[in-house]
Amino acid sequence: MNAKNVNINPCHMCMPMGGVLAFKGIEKSVVVIHGSQGCSTYIRRHIAEHFNEPVDVGSTSLNEKGTVYGGEDNLKKGLENIIRVYNPKMIGVLTTCLAETIGEDIKRMTETFIKDTGLSHVQIIPVHTAGYSGSHSEGFFSSVRRILENTVIPSEPNGKIGLIIPNISPADIRELKRMMKLFSLPYVVLPDFSDSLDGVYQKQYLKLSPHGTKIKDIQTMSGLKAIIEFSATLQDDLSPGEYMKKEYGVPLYRIPLPVGLRFSDQLISVLREISGKKAPKMLLEERGRLLDAMIDAHKHNAQGKTLLYLEPEQLYATISLLEENGVGIVLAATGSEYSTIAKKEIRQKDRLFTGADFDLIFKEAEGQDIDFAIGNSDGRVLTEKRGIPLLRRGFPIHDRMGGGRILSVGYAGSIQLLDSITNMILDKKLTSYRQQMTEKLLEPLKNGAESRGESYGDKI
């Protein structure tokens, strides 16, 4: 169900933040935020603290004058400075609430800039990403779709498989690429920030990462053999894969993120169909280990109860893993209002909320027996105010190290996630049962003392 129209302490980030994440997965790309300076600072801080990598985001620094008379001059100067300082191959121009509220036509502005400057070596892609128009999930997919719309050209068949991903971790991206290699399938991942936001140590700082999806590979995606898009809960009008299917006739498989047994099996089934090959022995062994882990943990998981708040694709996939393993779901929420997750097969749909915030989560969790929560670092208020332990997943994670190295997809990632969930349940159980047992054993003594009018504290 849709939760409410006004957000109080949202459990999601804004659209332009998702757009920045998408462009970070393109080689030598940089983003200009058309809005106030504070917006770009806020976005830089969250992304840099999550990945522990330097993140440059340009700003047109709209002020009172630009708000009244329009910010075209600011945008022009910002683009000139970005090109001079960074020499990028691609520039994403993302709007903020301010720019959208005053009606900035960034498509016309960027086209005018390209015409006036004769720019040919840099591709400029405008994306409307007002914060009040959606969450960072919508901003991410909107940007990926606009990249395709502005970059792809008619191409000859190249036999490659396209993987269009949601906002997952660099570790997850690397796992998906490993699975493709095990099937000996050539691939293009869009966007691929596995190295640009989780890179190796290097002595010299580079203003722009050389990693990411190659622009030439994006241009020739019209020649792909097929596209696998992990977007089971995404609206069609936001789907990059639906655009490629409609415009270029590329066969499209839209499936959930491969988290848990069922959804990982679904990905393997698609890869078998595309490749015409049997599943590799290594993946079958990993599947067997996941089954063994599920058997080992089921007696603990059946006692656990959780609430979770995540981006739609991660939420749907994690719910599936929890249901497979018998963990009770007290509440499942996403900040996105536009997800189709409510139409999916979920056992307790009355406990599923879209367009949610922490105000609603607190109210719905009131009086509930909850062992732990799953979500980003903003949910630490659940621990601070309600004593509910938090298993950090999703974005952003800025009060722990390694947010970019958390693996959750595939059989291998599902084992890690399952172990983390089971250990949260065990931690709650093993730290509370002694107190519960002591209270149970001392209850007769307490009742007897009180019935005699004696002080229970004096007797123990």
Protein backbone atom coordinates (compact mmCIF):
# COMPACT_ATOMS: atom_id res chain seq x y z
CA MET A 1 0.00 0.00 0.00
CA ASN A 2 1.13 3.58 -0.54
CA ALA A 3 1.98 5.01 2.82
CA LYS A 4 1.44 8.78 2.83
CA ASN A 5 1.78 12.00 0.89
CA VAL A 6 4.13 13.84 3.25
CA ASN A 7 7.51 12.39 4.23
CA ILE A 8 8.85 12.83 7.75
CA ASN A 9 12.47 11.66 7.99
CA PRO A 10 12.58 9.81 4.62
CA CYS A 11 14.14 6.36 4.31
CA HIS A 12 15.43 7.11 0.78
CA MET A 13 17.79 9.54 -0.92
CA CYS A 14 16.87 12.10 -3.62
CA MET A 15 16.68 11.57 -7.40
CA PRO A 16 19.88 13.42 -8.38
CA MET A 17 21.91 11.28 -5.99
CA GLY A 18 20.80 8.18 -7.87
CA GLY A 19 21.68 9.94 -11.13
CA VAL A 20 25.21 10.66 -9.94
CA LEU A 21 25.67 6.99 -9.01
CA ALA A 22 24.60 5.95 -12.52
CA PHE A 23 27.02 8.33 -14.27
CA LYS A 24 29.86 7.17 -12.01
CA GLY A 25 29.59 3.88 -13.88
CA ILE A 26 30.46 5.44 -17.26
CA GLU A 27 34.08 5.90 -18.34
CA LYS A 28 35.47 9.42 -17.89
CA SER A 29 32.11 10.95 -17.06
CA VAL A 30 31.33 13.75 -14.64
CA VAL A 31 28.09 15.25 -13.36
CA VAL A 32 26.98 18.87 -13.08
CA ILE A 33 24.14 19.49 -10.62
CA HIS A 34 21.99 22.36 -11.86
CA GLY A 35 20.95 23.88 -8.57
CA SER A 36 22.35 25.30 -5.36
CA GLN A 37 25.82 24.47 -4.09
CA GLY A 38 24.43 22.65 -1.07
CA CYS A 39 22.82 19.95 -3.20
CA SER A 40 26.08 18.86 -4.80
CA THR A 41 27.87 18.97 -1.43
CA TYR A 42 25.20 16.78 0.16
CA ILE A 43 25.45 14.25 -2.69
CA ARG A 44 29.27 14.18 -2.67
CA ARG A 45 29.32 13.59 1.07
CA HIS A 46 26.91 10.66 1.03
CA ILE A 47 28.53 8.85 -1.90
CA ALA A 48 32.11 9.46 -0.70
CA GLU A 49 31.35 8.23 2.82
CA HIS A 50 29.58 5.10 1.54
CA PHE A 51 32.32 4.04 -0.88
CA ASN A 52 35.31 5.72 0.82
CA GLU A 53 36.41 7.02 -2.57
CA PRO A 54 36.82 10.61 -3.78
CA VAL A 55 33.72 11.81 -5.65
CA ASP A 56 33.69 14.99 -7.73
CA VAL A 57 30.32 16.57 -8.51
CA GLY A 58 30.06 19.93 -10.28
CA SER A 59 27.49 22.58 -9.41
CA THR A 60 25.99 25.55 -11.26
CA SER A 61 25.62 27.25 -7.86
CA LEU A 62 22.22 28.82 -8.44
CA ASN A 63 21.59 31.78 -6.14
CA GLU A 64 18.78 34.30 -5.71
CA LYS A 65 19.51 36.03 -9.02
CA GLY A 66 19.59 32.78 -10.97
CA THR A 67 16.37 31.69 -9.31
CA VAL A 68 14.56 34.85 -10.44
CA TYR A 69 16.07 35.34 -13.91
CA GLY A 70 16.95 31.74 -14.77
CA GLY A 71 20.19 29.81 -14.47
CA GLU A 72 21.26 29.40 -18.10
CA ASP A 73 24.35 31.56 -17.64
CA ASN A 74 25.33 29.55 -14.57
CA LEU A 75 24.91 26.29 -16.47
CA LYS A 76 26.98 27.56 -19.39
CA LYS A 77 29.82 28.66 -17.10
CA GLY A 78 29.63 25.40 -15.17
CA LEU A 79 29.93 23.32 -18.34
CA GLU A 80 32.85 25.42 -19.58
CA ASN A 81 34.69 24.96 -16.28
CA ILE A 82 34.01 21.21 -16.16
CA ILE A 83 35.30 20.71 -19.69
CA ARG A 84 38.41 22.79 -19.04
CA VAL A 85 39.32 21.15 -15.72
CA TYR A 86 38.30 17.52 -16.33
CA ASN A 87 38.26 17.02 -20.11
CA PRO A 88 35.52 14.37 -19.79
CA LYS A 89 33.97 12.18 -22.46
CA MET A 90 30.47 12.53 -21.01
CA ILE A 91 28.74 15.10 -18.80
CA GLY A 92 25.48 14.40 -17.04
CA VAL A 93 23.42 17.50 -16.26
CA LEU A 94 21.02 16.72 -13.41
CA THR A 95 18.40 19.08 -12.03
CA THR A 96 17.46 19.74 -8.42
CA CYS A 97 14.17 20.74 -6.81
CA LEU A 98 15.07 24.41 -7.26
CA ALA A 99 15.83 24.14 -10.98
CA GLU A 100 12.67 22.14 -11.62
CA THR A 101 10.50 24.50 -9.58
CA ILE A 102 11.52 27.50 -11.70
CA GLY A 103 11.07 25.42 -14.87
CA GLU A 104 14.61 25.21 -16.23
CA ASP A 105 14.63 23.68 -19.75
CA ILE A 106 18.00 21.94 -19.51
CA LYS A 107 17.51 20.11 -22.81
CA ARG A 108 17.26 23.38 -24.72
CA MET A 109 20.06 24.93 -22.67
CA THR A 110 22.50 22.10 -23.34
CA GLU A 111 21.59 21.96 -27.03
CA THR A 112 22.20 25.72 -27.29
CA PHE A 113 25.53 25.35 -25.51
CA ILE A 114 26.67 22.60 -27.89
CA LYS A 115 25.58 24.64 -30.93
CA ASP A 116 27.24 27.87 -29.75
CA THR A 117 30.52 26.19 -28.80
CA GLY A 118 30.71 23.70 -31.65
CA LEU A 119 31.32 20.99 -29.04
CA SER A 120 31.88 17.57 -30.57
CA HIS A 121 34.25 15.60 -28.33
CA VAL A 122 32.06 15.66 -25.21
CA GLN A 123 28.59 14.17 -24.90
CA ILE A 124 26.19 16.14 -22.68
CA ILE A 125 23.16 14.30 -21.33
CA PRO A 126 20.43 16.27 -19.51
CA VAL A 127 18.25 14.39 -17.00
CA HIS A 128 15.34 15.83 -15.04
CA THR A 129 15.81 14.63 -11.45
CA ALA A 130 13.77 16.82 -9.11
CA GLY A 131 14.09 15.47 -5.59
CA TYR A 132 10.35 15.69 -5.03
CA SER A 133 9.65 13.59 -8.16
CA GLY A 134 11.03 10.32 -6.81
CA SER A 135 13.73 8.56 -4.86
CA HIS A 136 17.36 7.85 -5.78
CA SER A 137 16.12 4.59 -7.31
CA GLU A 138 14.07 6.47 -9.92
CA GLY A 139 16.94 8.91 -10.44
CA PHE A 140 19.29 6.00 -11.12
CA PHE A 141 17.11 4.29 -13.74
CA SER A 142 16.05 7.59 -15.34
CA SER A 143 19.70 8.48 -15.88
CA VAL A 144 20.57 5.07 -17.32
CA ARG A 145 17.66 5.32 -19.74
CA ARG A 146 18.66 8.85 -20.83
CA ILE A 147 22.24 7.65 -21.38
CA LEU A 148 20.93 4.99 -23.75
CA GLU A 149 18.55 7.36 -25.52
CA ASN A 150 21.36 9.81 -26.22
CA THR A 151 24.20 7.38 -26.96
CA VAL A 152 23.03 4.21 -28.72
CA ILE A 153 23.28 4.09 -32.51
CA PRO A 154 22.16 1.40 -35.00
CA SER A 155 24.82 -1.33 -34.95
CA GLU A 156 25.56 -4.76 -36.33
CA PRO A 157 24.96 -7.81 -34.08
CA ASN A 158 27.90 -8.28 -31.71
CA GLY A 159 26.87 -11.40 -29.77
CA LYS A 160 27.21 -9.67 -26.38
CA ILE A 161 24.77 -9.78 -23.48
CA GLY A 162 23.76 -6.55 -21.79
CA LEU A 163 23.36 -6.47 -18.01
CA ILE A 164 21.38 -3.45 -16.82
CA ILE A 165 21.69 -3.27 -13.06
CA PRO A 166 20.01 -1.28 -10.28
CA ASN A 167 22.00 0.45 -7.56
CA ILE A 168 23.91 -2.50 -6.12
CA SER A 169 27.38 -2.74 -4.59
CA PRO A 170 30.63 -2.99 -6.58
CA ALA A 171 31.05 -6.45 -5.05
CA ASP A 172 27.66 -7.45 -6.46
CA ILE A 173 28.63 -6.17 -9.91
CA ARG A 174 31.85 -8.18 -9.84
CA GLU A 175 29.89 -11.30 -8.85
CA LEU A 176 27.50 -10.88 -11.78
CA LYS A 177 30.45 -10.49 -14.14
CA ARG A 178 32.04 -13.63 -12.68
CA MET A 179 28.86 -15.58 -13.38
CA MET A 180 28.83 -14.34 -16.98
CA LYS A 181 32.44 -15.47 -17.40
CA LEU A 182 31.61 -18.92 -16.03
CA PHE A 183 29.03 -19.24 -18.81
CA SER A 184 31.65 -17.90 -21.30
CA LEU A 185 29.26 -15.11 -22.31
CA PRO A 186 30.65 -11.78 -23.54
CA TYR A 187 28.84 -8.95 -21.76
CA VAL A 188 28.35 -5.23 -21.26
CA VAL A 189 27.36 -4.02 -17.78
CA LEU A 190 25.50 -0.71 -17.58
CA PRO A 191 26.40 1.13 -15.45
CA ASP A 192 29.60 -0.46 -14.17
CA PHE A 193 31.05 1.35 -11.14
CA SER A 194 32.68 -1.76 -9.70
CA ASP A 195 36.15 -0.24 -10.16
CA SER A 196 35.40 3.49 -10.28
CA LEU A 197 33.79 3.39 -6.81
CA ASP A 198 35.84 0.53 -5.35
CA GLY A 199 39.22 0.95 -6.96
CA VAL A 200 42.72 -0.19 -6.13
CA TYR A 201 45.22 1.97 -4.32
CA GLN A 202 47.21 4.29 -6.57
CA LYS A 203 49.73 6.95 -5.68
CA GLN A 204 48.55 9.54 -8.17
CA TYR A 205 45.05 10.95 -7.87
CA LEU A 206 43.05 10.87 -11.10
CA LYS A 207 40.35 13.49 -11.56
CA LEU A 208 38.27 11.06 -13.59
CA SER A 209 38.27 7.30 -13.29
CA PRO A 210 39.27 5.48 -16.49
CA HIS A 211 36.98 2.63 -15.43
CA GLY A 212 33.30 2.17 -16.11
CA THR A 213 31.22 1.14 -19.10
CA LYS A 214 32.96 2.17 -22.31
CA ILE A 215 31.01 4.69 -24.37
CA LYS A 216 31.74 2.73 -27.53
CA ASP A 217 30.14 -0.33 -25.88
CA ILE A 218 27.04 1.71 -25.04
CA GLN A 219 26.84 2.98 -28.62
CA THR A 220 26.73 -0.58 -29.98
CA MET A 221 24.19 -1.96 -27.49
CA SER A 222 21.62 -2.01 -30.30
CA GLY A 223 23.54 -5.04 -31.59
CA LEU A 224 23.27 -7.02 -28.35
CA LYS A 225 22.12 -10.62 -28.46
CA ALA A 226 19.92 -9.96 -25.41
CA ILE A 227 19.54 -7.71 -22.38
CA ILE A 228 19.08 -8.94 -18.82
CA GLU A 229 17.65 -6.16 -16.70
CA PHE A 230 17.32 -6.62 -12.94
CA SER A 231 14.14 -4.59 -12.65
CA ALA A 232 11.25 -6.77 -11.54
CA THR A 233 9.55 -3.88 -9.71
CA LEU A 234 10.33 -1.03 -12.13
CA GLN A 235 7.67 0.80 -14.12
CA ASP A 236 7.96 0.24 -17.87
CA ASP A 237 8.37 3.94 -18.67
CA LEU A 238 11.53 4.05 -16.52
CA SER A 239 13.00 0.80 -17.83
CA PRO A 240 16.15 1.20 -19.97
CA GLY A 241 15.64 -2.32 -21.28
CA GLU A 242 12.09 -1.58 -22.44
CA TYR A 243 13.47 1.35 -24.44
CA MET A 244 16.06 -0.88 -26.13
CA LYS A 245 13.45 -3.52 -26.87
CA LYS A 246 11.06 -0.99 -28.42
CA GLU A 247 13.59 1.07 -30.38
CA TYR A 248 16.04 -1.60 -31.50
CA GLY A 249 14.25 -4.91 -31.01
CA VAL A 250 16.80 -6.25 -28.51
CA PRO A 251 15.39 -9.33 -26.70
CA LEU A 252 14.74 -8.41 -23.07
CA TYR A 253 14.68 -10.50 -19.88
CA ARG A 254 13.44 -8.55 -16.87
CA ILE A 255 14.11 -10.53 -13.71
CA PRO A 256 14.61 -9.87 -9.99
CA LEU A 257 18.01 -9.40 -8.43
CA PRO A 258 19.47 -12.90 -7.91
CA VAL A 259 19.26 -12.91 -4.11
CA GLY A 260 18.18 -16.15 -2.46
CA LEU A 261 17.66 -19.56 -4.03
CA ARG A 262 14.61 -18.89 -6.23
CA PHE A 263 15.82 -15.68 -7.83
CA SER A 264 19.39 -16.96 -8.30
CA ASP A 265 17.93 -20.03 -10.01
CA GLN A 266 15.95 -17.70 -12.27
CA LEU A 267 19.12 -15.93 -13.44
CA ILE A 268 20.86 -19.27 -14.09
CA SER A 269 17.83 -20.41 -16.10
CA VAL A 270 18.03 -17.27 -18.27
CA LEU A 271 21.78 -17.69 -18.80
CA ARG A 272 21.27 -21.32 -19.79
CA GLU A 273 18.59 -20.31 -22.30
CA ILE A 274 20.72 -17.56 -23.83
CA SER A 275 23.95 -19.58 -23.95
CA GLY A 276 22.52 -22.99 -24.74
CA LYS A 277 24.89 -24.42 -22.12
CA LYS A 278 24.49 -26.32 -18.89
CA ALA A 279 25.10 -24.54 -15.62
CA PRO A 280 28.82 -24.58 -14.74
CA LYS A 281 29.90 -27.04 -12.05
CA MET A 282 31.21 -24.24 -9.83
CA LEU A 283 27.79 -22.55 -9.70
CA LEU A 284 26.05 -25.85 -9.01
CA GLU A 285 28.41 -26.44 -6.09
CA GLU A 286 27.70 -22.95 -4.76
CA ARG A 287 23.98 -23.68 -5.05
CA GLY A 288 24.51 -26.82 -2.99
CA ARG A 289 26.35 -24.83 -0.32
CA LEU A 290 23.46 -22.36 -0.16
CA LEU A 291 21.00 -25.22 0.34
CA ASP A 292 23.22 -26.64 3.09
CA ALA A 293 23.41 -23.22 4.75
CA MET A 294 19.62 -22.93 4.63
CA ILE A 295 19.24 -26.33 6.32
CA ASP A 296 21.80 -25.42 8.99
CA ALA A 297 20.15 -22.09 9.79
CA HIS A 298 16.44 -22.86 9.51
CA LYS A 299 15.94 -23.72 13.19
CA HIS A 300 17.22 -20.27 14.14
CA ASN A 301 15.57 -18.32 11.32
CA ALA A 302 12.13 -19.67 12.16
CA GLN A 303 12.37 -17.81 15.47
CA GLY A 304 13.40 -14.48 13.95
CA LYS A 305 11.29 -11.41 13.16
CA THR A 306 12.52 -8.44 11.17
CA LEU A 307 11.55 -5.19 9.52
CA LEU A 308 13.31 -3.97 6.41
CA TYR A 309 13.44 -0.80 4.32
CA LEU A 310 15.39 -0.86 1.06
CA GLU A 311 15.31 0.28 -2.55
CA PRO A 312 12.53 -1.57 -4.43
CA GLU A 313 14.67 -4.14 -6.25
CA GLN A 314 16.72 -4.98 -3.18
CA LEU A 315 13.57 -5.05 -1.04
CA TYR A 316 11.79 -7.55 -3.29
CA ALA A 317 14.84 -9.81 -3.54
CA THR A 318 15.54 -9.71 0.20
CA ILE A 319 11.90 -10.48 1.02
CA SER A 320 12.19 -13.58 -1.16
CA LEU A 321 15.30 -14.76 0.73
CA LEU A 322 13.62 -14.13 4.09
CA GLU A 323 10.48 -16.03 3.06
CA GLU A 324 12.57 -18.95 1.78
CA ASN A 325 14.27 -19.21 5.15
CA GLY A 326 11.27 -18.76 7.44
CA VAL A 327 12.16 -15.36 8.91
CA GLY A 328 9.04 -13.46 9.95
CA ILE A 329 8.56 -10.09 8.25
CA VAL A 330 6.87 -7.61 10.56
CA LEU A 331 7.20 -4.70 8.13
CA ALA A 332 8.70 -4.20 4.65
CA ALA A 333 9.06 -0.65 3.33
CA THR A 334 10.57 1.36 0.50
CA GLY A 335 10.80 5.10 0.08
CA SER A 336 9.88 4.85 -3.59
CA GLU A 337 6.28 5.70 -4.46
CA TYR A 338 6.51 4.45 -8.04
CA SER A 339 7.58 0.83 -7.60
CA THR A 340 5.31 -2.00 -8.78
CA ILE A 341 6.49 -4.19 -5.90
CA ALA A 342 2.96 -4.25 -4.44
CA LYS A 343 1.88 -6.30 -7.48
CA LYS A 344 4.43 -9.03 -6.80
CA GLU A 345 3.90 -12.34 -5.04
CA ILE A 346 4.61 -11.51 -1.42
CA ARG A 347 2.99 -13.41 1.42
CA GLN A 348 2.15 -10.53 3.74
CA LYS A 349 1.20 -7.68 1.42
CA ASP A 350 -0.64 -5.91 4.23
CA ARG A 351 2.78 -5.33 5.84
CA LEU A 352 4.33 -3.87 2.68
CA PHE A 353 4.52 -0.09 2.29
CA THR A 354 5.69 2.09 -0.62
CA GLY A 355 6.38 5.80 -0.27
CA ALA A 356 7.35 5.09 3.34
CA ASP A 357 9.42 7.10 5.82
CA PHE A 358 10.79 6.49 9.30
CA ASP A 359 7.80 8.18 10.89
CA LEU A 360 5.56 5.47 9.42
CA ILE A 361 8.06 2.72 10.22
CA PHE A 362 8.13 3.79 13.88
CA LYS A 363 4.34 3.81 14.08
CA GLU A 364 3.90 0.43 12.39
CA ALA A 365 6.65 -1.13 14.54
CA GLU A 366 5.08 0.10 17.78
CA GLY A 367 4.45 -2.79 20.15
CA GLN A 368 5.84 -5.37 17.72
CA ASP A 369 8.35 -8.05 18.70
CA ILE A 370 11.24 -7.28 16.29
CA ASP A 371 14.65 -8.93 16.55
CA PHE A 372 16.48 -6.75 14.02
CA ALA A 373 16.06 -4.40 11.05
CA ILE A 374 17.64 -4.42 7.59
CA GLY A 375 18.41 -1.17 5.80
CA ASN A 376 20.77 1.74 5.32
CA SER A 377 22.59 3.66 8.03
CA ASP A 378 19.79 6.19 8.50
CA GLY A 379 17.92 3.42 10.32
CA ARG A 380 20.29 3.65 13.27
CA VAL A 381 17.51 5.72 14.86
CA LEU A 382 15.68 2.40 15.26
CA THR A 383 18.52 1.23 17.47
CA GLU A 384 18.86 4.53 19.31
CA LYS A 385 15.16 5.02 20.04
CA ARG A 386 13.70 1.49 20.04
CA GLY A 387 16.71 -0.73 20.74
CA ILE A 388 16.27 -2.63 17.45
CA PRO A 389 19.66 -3.84 16.10
CA LEU A 390 20.37 -2.86 12.49
CA LEU A 391 21.88 -5.05 9.76
CA ARG A 392 23.24 -2.46 7.36
CA ARG A 393 22.40 -3.04 3.72
CA GLY A 394 21.62 -0.82 0.74
CA PHE A 395 22.64 2.82 0.34
CA PRO A 396 24.00 4.81 2.07
CA ILE A 397 26.10 3.10 4.73
CA HIS A 398 28.17 5.89 6.22
CA ASP A 399 28.76 4.76 9.81
CA ARG A 400 30.49 1.48 8.96
CA MET A 401 33.36 0.52 6.67
CA GLY A 402 33.00 -1.56 3.50
CA GLY A 403 29.60 -0.51 2.12
CA GLY A 404 30.90 -1.04 -1.40
CA ARG A 405 32.22 -4.52 -0.60
CA ILE A 406 29.01 -6.09 0.73
CA LEU A 407 28.10 -9.08 -1.43
CA SER A 408 24.47 -10.21 -1.60
CA VAL A 409 23.78 -11.54 -5.12
CA GLY A 410 24.13 -15.02 -6.56
CA TYR A 411 24.44 -18.19 -4.54
CA ALA A 412 27.70 -17.00 -2.95
CA GLY A 413 26.27 -13.63 -1.96
CA SER A 414 23.03 -15.18 -0.71
CA ILE A 415 25.03 -17.37 1.69
CA GLN A 416 26.76 -14.30 3.09
CA LEU A 417 23.48 -12.44 3.51
CA LEU A 418 21.80 -15.47 5.08
CA ASP A 419 24.66 -15.91 7.54
CA SER A 420 24.47 -12.23 8.50
CA ILE A 421 20.71 -12.49 9.09
CA THR A 422 21.03 -15.72 11.12
CA ASN A 423 23.80 -14.23 13.24
CA MET A 424 21.61 -11.20 14.02
CA ILE A 425 18.93 -13.58 15.29
CA LEU A 426 21.46 -15.59 17.29
CA ASP A 427 22.96 -12.46 18.79
CA LYS A 428 19.54 -11.35 20.02
CA LYS A 429 18.78 -14.81 21.35
CA LEU A 430 22.09 -15.43 23.10
CA THR A 431 22.27 -12.00 24.72
CA SER A 432 18.73 -12.05 26.07
CA TYR A 433 17.95 -15.62 27.06
CA ARG A 434 19.99 -15.53 30.28
CA GLN A 435 18.08 -12.49 31.46
CA GLN A 436 14.77 -14.08 30.46
CA MET A 437 15.64 -17.36 32.21
CA THR A 438 16.76 -15.54 35.37
CA GLU A 439 13.54 -13.55 35.48
CA LYS A 440 11.51 -16.74 34.98
CA LEU A 441 13.37 -18.61 37.74
CA LEU A 442 13.13 -15.72 40.21
CA GLU A 443 9.47 -15.02 39.55
CA PRO A 444 8.21 -17.40 42.31
CA LEU A 445 10.63 -15.82 44.80
CA LYS A 446 9.45 -12.35 43.84
CA ASN A 447 5.78 -13.26 44.11
CA GLY A 448 6.32 -14.95 47.49
CA ALA A 449 8.17 -11.98 48.93
CA GLU A 450 5.54 -9.53 47.74
CA SER A 451 2.72 -11.68 49.15
CA ARG A 452 4.40 -11.53 52.60
CA GLY A 453 4.88 -7.80 52.35
CA GLU A 454 8.63 -8.16 52.22
CA SER A 455 11.13 -6.34 50.01
CA TYR A 456 12.04 -8.49 47.03
CA GLY A 457 15.34 -6.60 46.67
CA ASP A 458 16.42 -7.62 50.18
CA LYS A 459 16.00 -11.32 49.33
CA ILE A 460 18.37 -11.48 46.36
